[in-house]
Amino acid sequence: FDAAGMGALRTKALALTEHALALLDALDAALSGAERGASSLFDVITPRDGTARGAQISVRVRPEADGTDRAALMQRELASAHGIECDYRRPHVLRIGLCPLYVSFADVHAFVHALGECL
């Protein structure tokens, strides 16, 4: 931690979250394109402004038609099938931490890919 320095860690945290946002936007576009006229299956609720967010991304997942909280189910599937740990917050929110000390850009890509599979 001391060797990395706060400035470098903040810079990487911003880069990781920007990368995640771009990949999530692309996933949303791909999923929306696959279901013409369908509303998004998820919304990113983390601020887009880098000065207003930390090193995490929160995604609100649309519930099933019967009201089942898909985010709660997805949290378990992400962990068991993909080895990805994320937080679940009621209602309908998944939160992924992007700690710049040990999370890589490949980890971000793996999360978004796994999220797409779960959706």
C-alpha atoms as a PDB file:
ATOM      1  CA  PHE A   1       0.000   0.000   0.000  1.00  0.00           C
ATOM      2  CA  ASP A   2       2.689   2.478   1.006  1.00  0.00           C
ATOM      3  CA  ALA A   3       4.718   1.673  -2.107  1.00  0.00           C
ATOM      4  CA  ALA A   4       1.744   2.237  -4.424  1.00  0.00           C
ATOM      5  CA  GLY A   5       0.733   5.610  -2.993  1.00  0.00           C
ATOM      6  CA  MET A   6      -2.749   7.091  -2.743  1.00  0.00           C
ATOM      7  CA  GLY A   7      -2.484   9.042  -5.993  1.00  0.00           C
ATOM      8  CA  ALA A   8      -1.668   5.965  -8.043  1.00  0.00           C
ATOM      9  CA  LEU A   9      -4.378   3.934  -6.308  1.00  0.00           C
ATOM     10  CA  ARG A  10      -7.019   6.606  -6.968  1.00  0.00           C
ATOM     11  CA  THR A  11      -5.936   6.841 -10.604  1.00  0.00           C
ATOM     12  CA  LYS A  12      -6.251   3.078 -11.037  1.00  0.00           C
ATOM     13  CA  ALA A  13      -9.607   3.016  -9.201  1.00  0.00           C
ATOM     14  CA  LEU A  14     -10.964   5.620 -11.626  1.00  0.00           C
ATOM     15  CA  ALA A  15      -9.599   3.691 -14.600  1.00  0.00           C
ATOM     16  CA  LEU A  16     -11.138   0.425 -13.343  1.00  0.00           C
ATOM     17  CA  THR A  17     -14.553   2.010 -12.795  1.00  0.00           C
ATOM     18  CA  GLU A  18     -14.457   3.793 -16.171  1.00  0.00           C
ATOM     19  CA  HIS A  19     -13.584   0.479 -17.817  1.00  0.00           C
ATOM     20  CA  ALA A  20     -16.434  -1.256 -15.972  1.00  0.00           C
ATOM     21  CA  LEU A  21     -18.910   1.453 -16.980  1.00  0.00           C
ATOM     22  CA  ALA A  22     -17.890   1.203 -20.638  1.00  0.00           C
ATOM     23  CA  LEU A  23     -18.224  -2.589 -20.612  1.00  0.00           C
ATOM     24  CA  LEU A  24     -21.586  -2.410 -18.830  1.00  0.00           C
ATOM     25  CA  ASP A  25     -22.845   0.134 -21.366  1.00  0.00           C
ATOM     26  CA  ALA A  26     -21.785  -2.188 -24.189  1.00  0.00           C
ATOM     27  CA  LEU A  27     -23.479  -5.152 -22.495  1.00  0.00           C
ATOM     28  CA  ASP A  28     -26.667  -3.160 -22.016  1.00  0.00           C
ATOM     29  CA  ALA A  29     -26.663  -2.137 -25.676  1.00  0.00           C
ATOM     30  CA  ALA A  30     -26.068  -5.728 -26.799  1.00  0.00           C
ATOM     31  CA  LEU A  31     -28.850  -7.091 -24.589  1.00  0.00           C
ATOM     32  CA  SER A  32     -31.282  -4.340 -25.575  1.00  0.00           C
ATOM     33  CA  GLY A  33     -30.461  -4.932 -29.236  1.00  0.00           C
ATOM     34  CA  ALA A  34     -31.177  -8.627 -28.819  1.00  0.00           C
ATOM     35  CA  GLU A  35     -34.642  -7.852 -27.466  1.00  0.00           C
ATOM     36  CA  ARG A  36     -36.011  -5.088 -29.666  1.00  0.00           C
ATOM     37  CA  GLY A  37     -38.184  -2.689 -27.753  1.00  0.00           C
ATOM     38  CA  ALA A  38     -37.264  -4.292 -24.443  1.00  0.00           C
ATOM     39  CA  SER A  39     -36.294  -2.113 -21.539  1.00  0.00           C
ATOM     40  CA  SER A  40     -32.875  -2.604 -20.034  1.00  0.00           C
ATOM     41  CA  LEU A  41     -32.370  -5.637 -17.840  1.00  0.00           C
ATOM     42  CA  PHE A  42     -30.189  -3.516 -15.533  1.00  0.00           C
ATOM     43  CA  ASP A  43     -29.259   0.068 -14.712  1.00  0.00           C
ATOM     44  CA  VAL A  44     -25.944   1.325 -13.396  1.00  0.00           C
ATOM     45  CA  ILE A  45     -26.800   3.478 -10.389  1.00  0.00           C
ATOM     46  CA  THR A  46     -23.240   4.488  -9.513  1.00  0.00           C
ATOM     47  CA  PRO A  47     -22.511   8.124 -10.417  1.00  0.00           C
ATOM     48  CA  ARG A  48     -20.893   8.546 -13.843  1.00  0.00           C
ATOM     49  CA  ASP A  49     -18.831  11.465 -12.581  1.00  0.00           C
ATOM     50  CA  GLY A  50     -15.530  10.060 -11.346  1.00  0.00           C
ATOM     51  CA  THR A  51     -15.274  12.685  -8.606  1.00  0.00           C
ATOM     52  CA  ALA A  52     -18.575  11.446  -7.146  1.00  0.00           C
ATOM     53  CA  ARG A  53     -17.782   7.731  -6.906  1.00  0.00           C
ATOM     54  CA  GLY A  54     -15.379   5.444  -5.132  1.00  0.00           C
ATOM     55  CA  ALA A  55     -13.932   2.132  -6.269  1.00  0.00           C
ATOM     56  CA  GLN A  56     -17.207   0.270  -6.697  1.00  0.00           C
ATOM     57  CA  ILE A  57     -20.034  -0.082  -9.186  1.00  0.00           C
ATOM     58  CA  SER A  58     -23.675  -0.670  -8.236  1.00  0.00           C
ATOM     59  CA  VAL A  59     -26.066  -2.247 -10.716  1.00  0.00           C
ATOM     60  CA  ARG A  60     -29.852  -2.367 -10.226  1.00  0.00           C
ATOM     61  CA  VAL A  61     -31.203  -5.549 -11.837  1.00  0.00           C
ATOM     62  CA  ARG A  62     -34.766  -5.628 -13.135  1.00  0.00           C
ATOM     63  CA  PRO A  63     -36.805  -8.191 -11.134  1.00  0.00           C
ATOM     64  CA  GLU A  64     -38.515 -11.155 -12.752  1.00  0.00           C
ATOM     65  CA  ALA A  65     -42.101 -10.664 -13.985  1.00  0.00           C
ATOM     66  CA  ASP A  66     -43.386 -12.428 -10.861  1.00  0.00           C
ATOM     67  CA  GLY A  67     -41.429 -10.042  -8.620  1.00  0.00           C
ATOM     68  CA  THR A  68     -38.574 -12.431  -7.831  1.00  0.00           C
ATOM     69  CA  ASP A  69     -35.455 -10.472  -6.967  1.00  0.00           C
ATOM     70  CA  ARG A  70     -33.132 -11.528  -9.780  1.00  0.00           C
ATOM     71  CA  ALA A  71     -30.171  -9.698  -8.194  1.00  0.00           C
ATOM     72  CA  ALA A  72     -30.262 -11.960  -5.135  1.00  0.00           C
ATOM     73  CA  LEU A  73     -30.268 -15.043  -7.355  1.00  0.00           C
ATOM     74  CA  MET A  74     -27.503 -13.624  -9.523  1.00  0.00           C
ATOM     75  CA  GLN A  75     -25.253 -12.923  -6.531  1.00  0.00           C
ATOM     76  CA  ARG A  76     -25.289 -16.615  -5.676  1.00  0.00           C
ATOM     77  CA  GLU A  77     -24.784 -17.658  -9.305  1.00  0.00           C
ATOM     78  CA  LEU A  78     -21.867 -15.255  -9.791  1.00  0.00           C
ATOM     79  CA  ALA A  79     -20.172 -16.759  -6.725  1.00  0.00           C
ATOM     80  CA  SER A  80     -20.899 -20.433  -7.363  1.00  0.00           C
ATOM     81  CA  ALA A  81     -20.558 -20.620 -11.150  1.00  0.00           C
ATOM     82  CA  HIS A  82     -17.985 -17.884 -11.786  1.00  0.00           C
ATOM     83  CA  GLY A  83     -16.076 -17.407  -8.518  1.00  0.00           C
ATOM     84  CA  ILE A  84     -17.018 -13.716  -8.406  1.00  0.00           C
ATOM     85  CA  GLU A  85     -17.938 -12.225  -5.058  1.00  0.00           C
ATOM     86  CA  CYS A  86     -20.190  -9.190  -5.012  1.00  0.00           C
ATOM     87  CA  ASP A  87     -22.556  -7.625  -2.497  1.00  0.00           C
ATOM     88  CA  TYR A  88     -26.320  -7.803  -2.719  1.00  0.00           C
ATOM     89  CA  ARG A  89     -28.328  -4.811  -1.498  1.00  0.00           C
ATOM     90  CA  ARG A  90     -32.115  -4.653  -1.283  1.00  0.00           C
ATOM     91  CA  PRO A  91     -33.907  -4.015  -3.443  1.00  0.00           C
ATOM     92  CA  HIS A  92     -32.449  -5.484  -6.619  1.00  0.00           C
ATOM     93  CA  VAL A  93     -28.859  -4.185  -6.425  1.00  0.00           C
ATOM     94  CA  LEU A  94     -25.516  -5.903  -7.009  1.00  0.00           C
ATOM     95  CA  ARG A  95     -22.394  -4.038  -5.937  1.00  0.00           C
ATOM     96  CA  ILE A  96     -18.919  -4.997  -7.111  1.00  0.00           C
ATOM     97  CA  GLY A  97     -15.830  -3.660  -5.364  1.00  0.00           C
ATOM     98  CA  LEU A  98     -12.917  -2.678  -7.600  1.00  0.00           C
ATOM     99  CA  CYS A  99     -10.051  -2.413  -5.126  1.00  0.00           C
ATOM    100  CA  PRO A 100      -7.093  -1.046  -7.113  1.00  0.00           C
ATOM    101  CA  LEU A 101      -4.563  -2.945  -4.997  1.00  0.00           C
ATOM    102  CA  TYR A 102      -5.561  -6.338  -6.360  1.00  0.00           C
ATOM    103  CA  VAL A 103      -8.367  -6.057  -8.949  1.00  0.00           C
ATOM    104  CA  SER A 104      -7.202  -6.116 -12.566  1.00  0.00           C
ATOM    105  CA  PHE A 105      -8.802  -4.955 -15.789  1.00  0.00           C
ATOM    106  CA  ALA A 106      -9.142  -8.636 -16.716  1.00  0.00           C
ATOM    107  CA  ASP A 107     -11.131  -9.141 -13.487  1.00  0.00           C
ATOM    108  CA  VAL A 108     -13.503  -6.345 -14.536  1.00  0.00           C
ATOM    109  CA  HIS A 109     -13.960  -7.952 -17.949  1.00  0.00           C
ATOM    110  CA  ALA A 110     -14.636 -11.340 -16.311  1.00  0.00           C
ATOM    111  CA  PHE A 111     -17.294  -9.786 -14.054  1.00  0.00           C
ATOM    112  CA  VAL A 112     -19.146  -8.092 -16.905  1.00  0.00           C
ATOM    113  CA  HIS A 113     -18.983 -11.250 -19.025  1.00  0.00           C
ATOM    114  CA  ALA A 114     -20.339 -13.345 -16.129  1.00  0.00           C
ATOM    115  CA  LEU A 115     -23.050 -10.767 -15.443  1.00  0.00           C
ATOM    116  CA  GLY A 116     -24.132 -11.022 -19.073  1.00  0.00           C
ATOM    117  CA  GLU A 117     -24.339 -14.784 -18.784  1.00  0.00           C
ATOM    118  CA  CYS A 118     -26.464 -14.511 -15.638  1.00  0.00           C
ATOM    119  CA  LEU A 119     -28.857 -12.047 -17.237  1.00  0.00           C
END
